[in-house]
Protein backbone atom coordinates (compact mmCIF):
# COMPACT_ATOMS: atom_id res chain seq x y z
CA MET A 1 15.32 -2.78 18.26
CA PRO A 2 18.04 -0.30 17.06
CA LEU A 3 18.90 0.26 13.38
CA GLU A 4 22.56 -0.18 12.57
CA VAL A 5 23.90 2.30 10.00
CA VAL A 6 27.43 3.47 9.07
CA ALA A 7 28.34 7.10 8.82
CA VAL A 8 30.74 7.71 6.00
CA SER A 9 32.57 10.79 4.71
CA THR A 10 31.72 12.36 1.37
CA ARG A 11 34.68 10.59 -0.22
CA GLY A 12 33.41 7.15 1.00
CA VAL A 13 35.77 6.68 4.02
CA GLN A 14 34.02 4.84 6.78
CA ARG A 15 33.85 6.90 9.94
CA GLU A 16 31.72 5.06 12.46
CA ALA A 17 29.04 2.57 13.06
CA ILE A 18 25.86 4.11 14.57
CA SER A 19 23.11 2.39 16.46
CA LEU A 20 19.88 4.43 15.85
CA ARG A 21 16.94 4.29 18.20
CA PRO A 22 14.24 6.23 16.41
CA THR A 23 11.48 7.55 18.61
CA MET A 24 9.55 9.55 15.99
CA VAL A 25 9.21 9.09 12.25
CA VAL A 26 7.47 11.83 10.25
CA LEU A 27 6.67 11.60 6.54
CA GLY A 28 6.56 14.84 4.45
CA GLY A 29 4.38 15.12 1.46
CA TYR A 30 3.70 17.66 -1.31
CA THR A 31 7.02 19.43 -0.50
CA ALA A 32 8.09 20.51 -3.96
CA ARG A 33 9.47 24.00 -4.02
CA SER A 34 7.65 25.01 -7.11
CA ALA A 35 3.89 25.05 -7.62
CA ASP A 36 4.17 23.39 -11.02
CA ALA A 37 6.03 20.35 -9.44
CA ARG A 38 3.42 20.15 -6.66
CA GLU A 39 0.70 20.09 -9.20
CA ARG A 40 2.51 17.33 -11.19
CA HIS A 41 2.49 15.14 -8.11
CA VAL A 42 -1.20 15.95 -7.36
CA ASP A 43 -2.07 15.00 -10.85
CA GLU A 44 -0.07 11.76 -10.68
CA LEU A 45 -1.96 10.65 -7.51
CA ARG A 46 -5.40 11.74 -8.83
CA THR A 47 -4.92 9.39 -11.82
CA ILE A 48 -4.99 6.55 -9.33
CA GLY A 49 -7.84 8.04 -7.19
CA ILE A 50 -5.93 9.89 -4.44
CA GLU A 51 -6.86 13.39 -3.54
CA PRO A 52 -4.40 15.65 -1.83
CA PRO A 53 -4.83 16.79 1.79
CA ALA A 54 -6.54 20.02 2.56
CA ARG A 55 -3.24 21.73 3.56
CA ILE A 56 0.25 21.30 1.96
CA PRO A 57 2.95 20.68 2.66
CA ALA A 58 1.63 17.86 4.79
CA PHE A 59 3.23 15.72 7.43
CA TRP A 60 2.20 12.31 8.78
CA PRO A 61 3.66 10.75 11.92
CA VAL A 62 3.90 6.94 11.73
CA SER A 63 5.19 4.32 14.04
CA ALA A 64 8.98 4.37 14.53
CA SER A 65 8.96 0.58 14.24
CA LEU A 66 8.26 0.92 10.44
CA LEU A 67 11.71 2.15 9.84
CA THR A 68 14.12 -0.49 8.37
CA THR A 69 17.24 -1.01 6.42
CA ASP A 70 16.10 -4.54 5.25
CA ASP A 71 16.37 -5.58 1.71
CA ARG A 72 12.84 -7.21 1.73
CA ILE A 73 9.57 -5.87 2.99
CA GLN A 74 6.14 -7.42 3.31
CA VAL A 75 2.96 -5.74 2.24
CA GLN A 76 -0.78 -6.51 2.18
CA GLY A 77 -2.11 -6.45 -1.50
CA ASN A 78 -0.69 -5.75 -4.91
CA ARG A 79 -1.03 -2.05 -5.07
CA THR A 80 1.86 -0.62 -3.19
CA SER A 81 4.76 1.40 -4.36
CA GLY A 82 7.95 3.09 -3.22
CA GLU A 83 8.89 6.75 -3.42
CA VAL A 84 12.46 8.07 -3.33
CA GLU A 85 13.13 10.78 -0.65
CA PHE A 86 15.88 12.01 1.58
CA ALA A 87 15.75 11.40 5.30
CA LEU A 88 16.94 13.67 8.04
CA ILE A 89 18.05 11.71 11.08
CA PHE A 90 18.44 13.61 14.33
CA HIS A 91 20.93 11.68 16.37
CA GLY A 92 23.14 12.77 19.33
CA GLY A 93 22.73 16.44 18.45
CA ASP A 94 23.80 15.89 14.85
CA ILE A 95 21.75 15.64 11.59
CA LEU A 96 22.47 12.66 9.40
CA VAL A 97 21.22 12.18 5.86
CA ALA A 98 20.10 8.93 4.21
CA VAL A 99 18.27 8.03 1.04
CA ALA A 100 14.78 6.66 1.75
CA SER A 101 11.65 5.13 0.37
CA ASP A 102 8.23 5.98 1.72
CA HIS A 103 6.54 2.73 0.58
CA THR A 104 2.77 3.29 0.55
CA ASP A 105 -0.40 1.29 -0.02
CA ARG A 106 -2.04 3.11 -2.89
CA GLU A 107 -5.36 1.33 -2.61
CA LEU A 108 -5.76 2.38 1.00
CA GLU A 109 -4.43 5.83 0.20
CA THR A 110 -7.64 6.54 -1.80
CA SER A 111 -9.70 6.38 1.46
CA SER A 112 -7.08 7.46 4.12
CA ILE A 113 -3.65 8.82 3.50
CA PRO A 114 -2.54 8.46 7.17
CA ARG A 115 -3.53 4.78 7.30
CA SER A 116 -1.90 4.00 3.92
CA LYS A 117 1.31 5.42 5.34
CA GLN A 118 1.14 3.43 8.53
CA CYS A 119 0.81 0.01 6.95
CA CYS A 120 4.08 -0.21 4.97
CA ALA A 121 7.59 -0.18 5.99
CA LYS A 122 9.88 2.86 5.38
CA VAL A 123 13.28 1.83 4.05
CA ILE A 124 16.46 3.93 4.54
CA SER A 125 19.98 3.33 3.30
CA ARG A 126 22.50 1.50 5.56
CA GLU A 127 25.05 4.32 4.90
CA VAL A 128 24.46 7.94 6.05
CA LEU A 129 26.22 11.20 5.66
CA ALA A 130 26.57 14.22 7.89
CA PHE A 131 24.31 17.09 6.81
CA ASP A 132 27.10 19.47 7.59
CA ASP A 133 29.25 17.96 4.89
CA LEU A 134 26.46 18.47 2.34
CA ALA A 135 25.00 21.81 3.19
CA ASP A 136 27.12 23.82 0.71
CA ARG A 137 26.11 21.71 -2.26
CA TRP A 138 22.65 20.51 -1.15
CA ASP A 139 20.69 21.80 -4.19
CA SER A 140 23.03 19.99 -6.60
CA ILE A 141 22.49 16.54 -5.03
CA VAL A 142 20.43 14.16 -7.22
CA ILE A 143 17.94 11.68 -5.92
CA SER A 144 16.63 8.92 -8.23
CA SER A 145 14.78 5.55 -8.19
CA GLU A 146 14.21 2.55 -10.35
CA VAL A 147 11.66 -0.21 -10.37
CA THR A 148 11.49 -3.60 -12.03
CA ASP A 149 9.14 -4.52 -14.91
CA GLU A 150 7.39 -7.86 -15.32
CA GLU A 151 10.53 -9.49 -16.65
CA GLY A 152 12.58 -8.26 -13.77
CA HIS A 153 14.47 -5.45 -15.80
CA TRP A 154 15.19 -2.19 -14.05
CA LEU A 155 13.39 0.82 -15.31
CA PRO A 156 14.13 4.50 -14.39
CA TYR A 157 11.33 5.80 -12.30
CA GLN A 158 12.21 9.05 -10.68
CA ARG A 159 15.04 11.61 -10.85
CA ALA A 160 15.52 15.17 -9.64
CA GLU A 161 17.93 17.55 -8.04
CA LEU A 162 17.16 18.42 -4.38
CA ALA A 163 16.74 22.08 -5.58
CA SER A 164 13.22 20.86 -6.56
CA VAL A 165 12.31 19.87 -2.87
CA MET A 166 11.91 22.07 0.15
CA PRO A 167 15.40 22.55 1.76
CA PRO A 168 16.05 20.89 5.17
CA GLU A 169 15.64 24.18 7.18
CA SER A 170 12.24 24.93 5.61
CA LEU A 171 11.10 21.34 5.94
CA MET A 172 11.95 21.36 9.65
CA HIS A 173 10.29 24.68 10.26
CA ALA A 174 7.10 23.59 8.41
CA CYS A 175 6.90 20.40 10.32
CA PHE A 176 7.84 21.61 13.86
CA GLY A 177 6.69 25.21 13.65
CA GLY A 178 10.17 26.56 14.43
CA HIS A 179 10.65 24.52 17.62
CA PRO A 180 13.74 22.38 18.00
CA VAL A 181 13.47 18.91 16.45
CA PRO A 182 13.63 16.30 19.15
CA ASP A 183 16.63 13.93 19.13
CA GLY A 184 15.60 10.56 17.83
CA THR A 185 13.30 12.00 15.08
CA VAL A 186 13.53 10.79 11.47
CA LEU A 187 11.97 13.19 8.97
CA LEU A 188 11.30 12.02 5.35
CA SER A 189 11.26 14.80 2.86
CA GLY A 190 8.40 13.92 0.46
CA THR A 191 9.11 12.65 -3.02
CA VAL A 192 9.64 14.05 -6.50
CA PRO A 193 7.59 13.46 -9.66
CA LEU A 194 7.54 10.27 -11.67
CA LEU A 195 9.50 10.40 -14.92
CA ASP A 196 6.44 9.25 -16.99
CA GLY A 197 3.71 10.10 -14.49
CA GLN A 198 2.76 6.38 -14.17
CA THR A 199 2.68 4.75 -10.74
CA ARG A 200 4.11 1.23 -10.96
CA TYR A 201 3.39 -1.60 -8.54
CA ALA A 202 6.79 -3.35 -8.91
CA ALA A 203 8.31 -6.32 -7.22
CA ALA A 204 11.50 -4.48 -6.48
CA PHE A 205 12.53 -0.86 -5.88
CA ARG A 206 15.94 0.83 -5.63
CA ALA A 207 17.04 4.33 -5.00
CA ALA A 208 20.12 6.55 -4.88
CA LEU A 209 21.27 9.88 -3.55
CA GLN A 210 24.11 11.11 -5.66
CA LEU A 211 26.52 13.88 -4.66
CA PRO A 212 27.77 16.24 -7.42
CA GLY A 213 31.09 15.33 -8.97
CA GLY A 214 30.79 11.65 -8.13
CA ASP A 215 32.16 12.12 -4.56
CA ARG A 216 29.64 9.85 -2.87
CA ARG A 217 26.42 7.83 -3.49
CA LEU A 218 23.96 6.52 -0.94
CA THR A 219 21.82 3.59 -2.10
CA LEU A 220 19.03 1.28 -1.01
CA GLU A 221 17.38 -1.67 -2.72
CA TYR A 222 14.60 -3.93 -1.55
CA ARG A 223 12.07 -6.54 -2.85
CA ILE A 224 8.38 -6.47 -2.06
CA GLU A 225 6.57 -9.53 -0.86
CA ALA A 226 2.72 -9.42 -1.21
CA LEU A 227 1.09 -11.41 1.47
CA PRO A 228 -2.22 -13.30 0.87
CA ASP A 229 -5.18 -10.87 1.35
CA GLN A 230 -7.74 -13.48 2.41
CA ALA A 231 -7.84 -15.65 5.47
CA GLY A 232 -8.13 -19.39 4.98
CA GLN A 233 -6.18 -19.58 1.79
CA PRO A 234 -2.90 -21.56 1.63
CA VAL A 235 0.03 -19.37 2.46
CA ALA A 236 2.47 -19.15 -0.50
CA ARG A 237 5.18 -16.58 -0.43
CA ARG A 238 5.84 -14.95 -3.75
CA PHE A 239 9.01 -13.18 -4.72
CA ALA A 240 8.76 -11.90 -8.35
């Protein structure tokens, strides 16, 4: 089923509705430009029992059906969390940019990173921007995320300029070895460090991609529904 998004200008003027039919979704990881930032991310994950892959940056293909713009996702278990990223969408010969969340099962990630990536939805914003409109100010763009606490209050979770993440050209080259990126590909960038280094398993997650000068902001927000993890128990949906 296609994903419906809206391409807007940097000043927020609607340009066109686009029906995306992703054929390949690839998740980047450990893509910080600086060694210090990469080590911060490694340390964050090690605190919850996750070791980095043998080679970084790393890339994990997942099912294209995981990509969504929905405001609710369903997961198995209570140890899942979102990560703010940018997404490069290759559509009709153009590159579109969205803000994204690589939602991941942290418990499963301790034993298999690829499987942990495959079992959760990947959320992107309903609005997208043309990469060509952003290229000259790319490094000044800010991505950020927030999560809810137990009382439902929003807490700052991540924030960084894109200068701290591999630039799109380097990301594409690292992932595809210099070959052209196939149309229909969606490439998620990999995330930025947590503000306090603490992974939070929240009931809701939201993220933003903010252009410098306040010209434009892409956003996403979704709630997480944890499904029962044992067969035979009564089914009770829980939205915190």
